[in-house]
């Protein structure tokens, strides 16, 4: 038995889940979803630019090194 699935861009369930994952309504279109991802990425980059990386201390022991 062969089960075929719709390509991701044509899947309503995928689009709805993607929209919900970025706090949009489930009927948001792909353009709105892409814009929301860009906003999230921009906020992340703004926060990273403000961060003083020299003050961050990381122990490699935590990572098994």
Protein backbone atom coordinates (compact mmCIF):
# COMPACT_ATOMS: atom_id res chain seq x y z
CA UNK A 1 0.00 0.00 0.00
CA UNK A 2 1.37 3.41 -0.96
CA UNK A 3 0.24 6.48 0.92
CA UNK A 4 0.83 9.80 -0.79
CA UNK A 5 0.94 13.08 1.03
CA UNK A 6 0.38 16.60 -0.24
CA UNK A 7 3.49 18.72 -0.72
CA UNK A 8 4.08 20.89 2.38
CA UNK A 9 3.08 24.20 0.76
CA UNK A 10 -0.31 22.70 -0.13
CA UNK A 11 -0.93 21.20 3.32
CA UNK A 12 -3.49 23.18 5.28
CA UNK A 13 -2.54 21.41 8.51
CA UNK A 14 1.15 22.29 8.08
CA UNK A 15 0.37 25.97 7.39
CA UNK A 16 -1.99 26.15 10.37
CA UNK A 17 0.55 24.54 12.68
CA UNK A 18 3.30 26.83 11.45
CA UNK A 19 1.11 29.89 12.01
CA UNK A 20 0.17 28.83 15.51
CA UNK A 21 3.83 28.12 16.36
CA UNK A 22 4.65 31.82 15.82
CA UNK A 23 1.55 33.10 17.64
CA UNK A 24 -0.58 33.88 14.60
CA UNK A 25 -4.13 32.73 13.95
CA UNK A 26 -4.40 29.40 12.17
CA UNK A 27 -5.83 31.07 9.06
CA UNK A 28 -2.68 33.21 8.52
CA UNK A 29 -1.15 32.90 5.06
CA UNK A 30 2.47 32.06 4.26
CA UNK A 31 3.37 35.75 3.74
CA UNK A 32 2.21 36.64 7.26
CA UNK A 33 4.04 33.61 8.67
CA UNK A 34 7.27 34.59 6.89
CA UNK A 35 6.96 38.17 8.17
CA UNK A 36 6.49 36.89 11.71
CA UNK A 37 9.60 34.69 11.41
CA UNK A 38 11.54 37.74 10.19
CA UNK A 39 10.34 39.77 13.17
CA UNK A 40 11.39 37.01 15.56
CA UNK A 41 14.81 36.77 13.91
CA UNK A 42 15.26 40.56 14.02
CA UNK A 43 14.39 40.68 17.73
CA UNK A 44 16.87 37.87 18.38
CA UNK A 45 19.61 39.70 16.48
CA UNK A 46 18.87 42.97 18.28
CA UNK A 47 19.13 41.20 21.63
CA UNK A 48 22.36 39.48 20.56
CA UNK A 49 23.89 42.82 19.54
CA UNK A 50 23.10 44.25 22.99
CA UNK A 51 24.66 41.31 24.78
CA UNK A 52 28.18 41.74 26.13
CA UNK A 53 29.69 38.43 25.04
CA UNK A 54 32.89 39.07 27.01
CA UNK A 55 30.91 38.78 30.25
CA UNK A 56 29.48 35.35 29.45
CA UNK A 57 31.31 32.47 31.07
CA UNK A 58 30.73 28.96 29.85
CA UNK A 59 32.07 25.80 31.40
CA UNK A 60 32.91 23.18 28.81
CA UNK A 61 32.43 20.55 31.52
CA UNK A 62 28.68 21.04 31.08
CA UNK A 63 29.04 19.99 27.46
CA UNK A 64 31.12 16.90 28.16
CA UNK A 65 34.41 18.45 27.05
